[in-house]
């Protein structure tokens, strides 16, 4: 029997997909994002082992709330795709039992063909694009961004609905050209239903302190509302550039 390595769960999530959602946070992640507010999820061997039936029992008492709000189940992390078989079985089960909407929150550090079984039972992907510049992405997360961009393209090529999310960190990913290029990349994708900027915050610093780790973004402030607005404008400008190019080439009506 496959068991999932679970970090924690939330019964009334409202920011990780449509409606009210049960949010399951999986244990383990291969990225080491400097702004991560859950660094305790990184350890691949940590967390609590739970069977599929144990997770379903946690979800069942709240089914009416999820149904009436147009919500469902979101699996996040850590990185959920590292346990793709368990998550796929869970998504399949909640669809068969309750016809729940399923959302996968992922950093994209995997390959679409390898986790196709999971993506086939996923209604919506929340894809976090950390940085469009590869070298800056490595500095920010410890890994290159090629797999993330390839995942976005896989979802686009297979017309899988996605929301793209981008944590905005002053001085890290706020350069004008980087934001324009991010918009150009997104503008070239299909099936992007929503783009969200998530302002960086310091609420997870206490977890770094509890682990006795130095916090790498010490002193970095949250972006101001003006900085967030500017970022949206630049990303949207990049997206419009691609739309204009497509129109010139006769690829749009």
Protein backbone atom coordinates (compact mmCIF):
# COMPACT_ATOMS: atom_id res chain seq x y z
CA UNK A 1 0.00 0.00 0.00
CA UNK A 2 1.41 3.36 -1.04
CA UNK A 3 1.64 5.89 1.73
CA UNK A 4 2.09 9.61 1.38
CA UNK A 5 4.66 11.57 3.34
CA UNK A 6 2.51 14.41 4.64
CA UNK A 7 3.75 17.65 6.17
CA UNK A 8 0.42 19.18 7.20
CA UNK A 9 -3.12 19.90 6.05
CA UNK A 10 -5.56 22.79 5.95
CA UNK A 11 -9.32 22.28 5.88
CA UNK A 12 -10.51 25.74 4.77
CA UNK A 13 -7.99 27.06 2.25
CA UNK A 14 -9.11 30.01 0.14
CA UNK A 15 -6.01 31.04 -1.85
CA UNK A 16 -4.87 27.81 -3.53
CA UNK A 17 -7.45 27.44 -6.26
CA UNK A 18 -11.14 28.29 -6.69
CA UNK A 19 -13.61 28.16 -3.80
CA UNK A 20 -13.00 26.68 -0.35
CA UNK A 21 -10.43 23.92 -0.48
CA UNK A 22 -8.84 21.14 1.49
CA UNK A 23 -5.11 21.74 1.11
CA UNK A 24 -2.71 18.86 1.64
CA UNK A 25 0.96 19.80 2.02
CA UNK A 26 3.31 17.02 0.97
CA UNK A 27 6.74 16.53 2.56
CA UNK A 28 9.90 16.91 0.51
CA UNK A 29 11.26 19.40 -2.01
CA UNK A 30 14.36 19.52 -4.21
CA UNK A 31 14.43 23.32 -4.41
CA UNK A 32 15.86 25.52 -1.68
CA UNK A 33 14.11 28.82 -2.33
CA UNK A 34 15.63 31.68 -0.37
CA UNK A 35 12.19 33.03 0.53
CA UNK A 36 10.57 29.69 1.38
CA UNK A 37 8.18 30.04 4.31
CA UNK A 38 8.03 26.25 4.81
CA UNK A 39 11.70 25.14 4.85
CA UNK A 40 10.67 22.35 7.21
CA UNK A 41 9.03 20.68 4.19
CA UNK A 42 12.36 20.24 2.35
CA UNK A 43 13.50 17.06 4.11
CA UNK A 44 12.51 14.10 1.94
CA UNK A 45 12.45 11.79 4.96
CA UNK A 46 10.35 13.97 7.25
CA UNK A 47 6.62 14.30 7.69
CA UNK A 48 3.94 11.85 8.73
CA UNK A 49 3.11 8.73 6.76
CA UNK A 50 -0.58 8.50 5.88
CA UNK A 51 -2.54 5.99 3.82
CA UNK A 52 -4.96 7.07 1.14
CA UNK A 53 -7.93 6.16 3.36
CA UNK A 54 -6.52 8.22 6.23
CA UNK A 55 -6.31 11.30 4.03
CA UNK A 56 -9.81 10.70 2.64
CA UNK A 57 -11.14 10.48 6.19
CA UNK A 58 -9.69 13.93 6.89
CA UNK A 59 -11.43 15.37 3.81
CA UNK A 60 -14.87 13.78 4.18
CA UNK A 61 -16.33 15.92 7.02
CA UNK A 62 -15.99 19.08 4.91
CA UNK A 63 -17.24 17.85 1.54
CA UNK A 64 -20.39 20.00 1.60
CA UNK A 65 -18.32 23.18 2.03
CA UNK A 66 -16.10 22.29 -0.91
CA UNK A 67 -19.02 21.42 -3.17
CA UNK A 68 -21.18 24.45 -2.42
CA UNK A 69 -18.29 26.90 -2.81
CA UNK A 70 -17.04 25.45 -6.08
CA UNK A 71 -13.88 24.35 -4.30
CA UNK A 72 -12.20 21.02 -3.88
CA UNK A 73 -8.83 19.49 -3.09
CA UNK A 74 -5.44 21.13 -3.60
CA UNK A 75 -2.21 19.22 -3.07
CA UNK A 76 0.82 21.41 -2.44
CA UNK A 77 4.13 21.08 -0.63
CA UNK A 78 6.98 20.84 -0.39
CA UNK A 79 6.69 19.57 -3.94
CA UNK A 80 3.70 17.37 -4.64
CA UNK A 81 5.01 15.83 -7.87
CA UNK A 82 7.78 14.06 -5.97
CA UNK A 83 4.98 11.78 -4.73
CA UNK A 84 3.09 11.73 -8.02
CA UNK A 85 1.72 8.18 -7.68
CA UNK A 86 0.17 8.85 -4.28
CA UNK A 87 -1.27 12.20 -5.35
CA UNK A 88 -2.70 10.68 -8.54
CA UNK A 89 -4.41 7.94 -6.50
CA UNK A 90 -5.78 10.58 -4.13
CA UNK A 91 -7.11 12.74 -6.95
CA UNK A 92 -8.70 9.72 -8.59
CA UNK A 93 -10.35 8.71 -5.32
CA UNK A 94 -11.88 12.11 -4.53
CA UNK A 95 -13.27 12.27 -8.07
CA UNK A 96 -14.79 8.81 -7.84
CA UNK A 97 -16.27 9.34 -4.37
CA UNK A 98 -17.29 12.99 -4.38
CA UNK A 99 -16.58 14.39 -7.85
CA UNK A 100 -14.27 16.99 -6.32
CA UNK A 101 -12.27 19.52 -8.31
CA UNK A 102 -8.53 18.77 -8.09
CA UNK A 103 -5.69 21.28 -8.11
CA UNK A 104 -1.96 20.60 -8.18
CA UNK A 105 0.31 23.31 -6.73
CA UNK A 106 3.79 22.70 -8.13
CA UNK A 107 7.12 24.38 -8.78
CA UNK A 108 7.27 22.46 -12.06
CA UNK A 109 10.54 20.70 -11.29
CA UNK A 110 9.52 17.49 -13.02
CA UNK A 111 8.65 16.25 -16.50
CA UNK A 112 5.15 16.23 -17.91
CA UNK A 113 5.45 12.84 -19.58
CA UNK A 114 6.76 11.26 -16.37
CA UNK A 115 3.81 12.48 -14.29
CA UNK A 116 1.14 12.28 -17.00
CA UNK A 117 -0.89 9.88 -14.86
CA UNK A 118 -1.16 12.60 -12.21
CA UNK A 119 -1.82 15.40 -14.69
CA UNK A 120 -4.60 13.35 -16.31
CA UNK A 121 -6.62 13.54 -13.07
CA UNK A 122 -5.70 17.16 -12.32
CA UNK A 123 -8.29 19.83 -13.18
CA UNK A 124 -6.02 22.83 -12.55
CA UNK A 125 -2.28 23.35 -12.16
CA UNK A 126 -0.93 26.20 -10.04
CA UNK A 127 2.54 26.63 -11.54
CA UNK A 128 5.05 28.73 -9.62
CA UNK A 129 7.58 30.39 -11.90
CA UNK A 130 10.28 31.71 -9.58
CA UNK A 131 12.54 33.55 -12.02
CA UNK A 132 12.71 33.74 -15.81
CA UNK A 133 16.50 34.27 -15.83
CA UNK A 134 18.27 30.93 -15.43
CA UNK A 135 21.35 32.14 -13.54
CA UNK A 136 19.24 34.20 -11.16
CA UNK A 137 16.91 31.23 -10.74
CA UNK A 138 19.84 29.05 -9.68
CA UNK A 139 20.91 31.65 -7.14
CA UNK A 140 17.36 31.95 -5.79
CA UNK A 141 16.41 28.26 -5.67
CA UNK A 142 19.56 26.19 -6.10
CA UNK A 143 18.28 24.70 -9.37
CA UNK A 144 18.09 25.81 -13.03
CA UNK A 145 14.70 26.77 -14.45
CA UNK A 146 14.73 24.61 -17.60
CA UNK A 147 12.42 21.96 -16.16
CA UNK A 148 9.95 24.57 -14.92
CA UNK A 149 9.75 26.25 -18.32
CA UNK A 150 9.46 22.87 -20.04
CA UNK A 151 6.61 21.95 -17.69
CA UNK A 152 4.79 25.16 -18.59
CA UNK A 153 5.21 24.37 -22.28
CA UNK A 154 4.03 20.77 -21.74
CA UNK A 155 0.87 22.01 -20.04
CA UNK A 156 0.39 24.53 -22.85
CA UNK A 157 0.92 21.94 -25.59
CA UNK A 158 -1.57 19.60 -23.93
CA UNK A 159 -4.07 22.41 -23.23
CA UNK A 160 -4.09 21.82 -19.47
CA UNK A 161 -5.63 24.72 -17.48
CA UNK A 162 -3.08 26.55 -15.34
CA UNK A 163 -2.65 29.57 -13.13
CA UNK A 164 0.86 30.95 -13.18
CA UNK A 165 2.08 32.48 -9.93
CA UNK A 166 5.18 34.55 -9.30
CA UNK A 167 6.52 35.53 -5.86
CA UNK A 168 7.80 39.10 -6.20
CA UNK A 169 10.91 39.82 -4.14
CA UNK A 170 12.44 43.34 -4.20
CA UNK A 171 15.93 43.25 -5.64
CA UNK A 172 15.65 39.60 -6.62
CA UNK A 173 13.16 39.39 -9.50
CA UNK A 174 12.01 42.97 -9.96
CA UNK A 175 14.29 43.96 -12.87
CA UNK A 176 12.32 45.47 -15.74
CA UNK A 177 13.70 43.18 -18.43
CA UNK A 178 13.15 40.06 -16.34
CA UNK A 179 9.49 40.95 -15.82
CA UNK A 180 9.03 41.78 -19.51
CA UNK A 181 10.62 38.47 -20.47
CA UNK A 182 8.40 36.61 -18.01
CA UNK A 183 5.40 38.22 -19.71
CA UNK A 184 6.70 37.25 -23.14
CA UNK A 185 7.08 33.66 -22.01
CA UNK A 186 3.58 33.54 -20.52
CA UNK A 187 2.18 35.23 -23.61
CA UNK A 188 3.44 32.35 -25.72
CA UNK A 189 1.53 29.77 -23.68
CA UNK A 190 -1.95 28.34 -24.16
CA UNK A 191 -4.44 27.55 -21.38
CA UNK A 192 -3.19 30.15 -18.88
CA UNK A 193 -6.38 31.11 -17.08
CA UNK A 194 -4.81 33.49 -14.55
CA UNK A 195 -1.54 35.17 -13.65
CA UNK A 196 -0.92 36.10 -10.02
CA UNK A 197 1.84 38.05 -8.32
CA UNK A 198 2.35 36.94 -4.73
CA UNK A 199 4.12 39.66 -2.72
CA UNK A 200 7.09 38.31 -0.77
CA UNK A 201 6.61 38.28 3.00
CA UNK A 202 8.72 37.42 6.04
CA UNK A 203 6.16 35.34 7.94
CA UNK A 204 8.22 32.15 7.68
CA UNK A 205 11.43 33.53 9.18
CA UNK A 206 10.64 31.95 12.54
CA UNK A 207 10.84 28.51 10.91
CA UNK A 208 14.37 29.21 9.67
CA UNK A 209 15.27 30.34 13.18
CA UNK A 210 13.74 27.19 14.68
CA UNK A 211 15.92 25.12 12.35
CA UNK A 212 18.92 27.26 13.37
CA UNK A 213 19.47 28.27 9.74
CA UNK A 214 20.58 31.71 8.61
CA UNK A 215 17.78 33.42 6.69
CA UNK A 216 19.24 34.39 3.28
CA UNK A 217 16.91 37.34 2.67
CA UNK A 218 17.41 39.01 6.03
CA UNK A 219 16.46 42.68 5.70
CA UNK A 220 14.69 42.35 2.35
CA UNK A 221 11.34 44.16 2.60
CA UNK A 222 8.01 43.12 1.16
CA UNK A 223 7.22 44.89 -2.12
CA UNK A 224 5.13 48.03 -1.88
CA UNK A 225 1.72 48.18 -3.62
CA UNK A 226 3.36 50.41 -6.22
CA UNK A 227 6.05 47.79 -6.89
CA UNK A 228 3.41 45.10 -7.30
CA UNK A 229 1.41 47.28 -9.71
CA UNK A 230 4.56 48.01 -11.73
CA UNK A 231 5.36 44.30 -11.93
CA UNK A 232 1.86 43.48 -13.21
CA UNK A 233 2.16 46.24 -15.80
CA UNK A 234 5.52 44.99 -17.07
CA UNK A 235 4.40 41.35 -17.27
CA UNK A 236 1.24 42.40 -19.08
CA UNK A 237 3.32 44.53 -21.46
CA UNK A 238 5.45 41.50 -22.29
CA UNK A 239 2.34 39.42 -22.88
CA UNK A 240 0.91 42.08 -25.20
CA UNK A 241 4.14 42.14 -27.22
CA UNK A 242 3.72 38.45 -27.97
CA UNK A 243 0.04 38.92 -28.80
CA UNK A 244 0.96 41.69 -31.21
CA UNK A 245 3.64 39.53 -32.83
CA UNK A 246 1.13 36.73 -33.31
CA UNK A 247 -1.35 39.14 -34.89
CA UNK A 248 1.26 40.40 -37.33
CA UNK A 249 2.10 36.83 -38.29
CA UNK A 250 -1.59 36.11 -38.89
CA UNK A 251 -1.82 33.63 -36.01
CA UNK A 252 -4.69 35.45 -34.35
CA UNK A 253 -7.91 36.82 -35.75
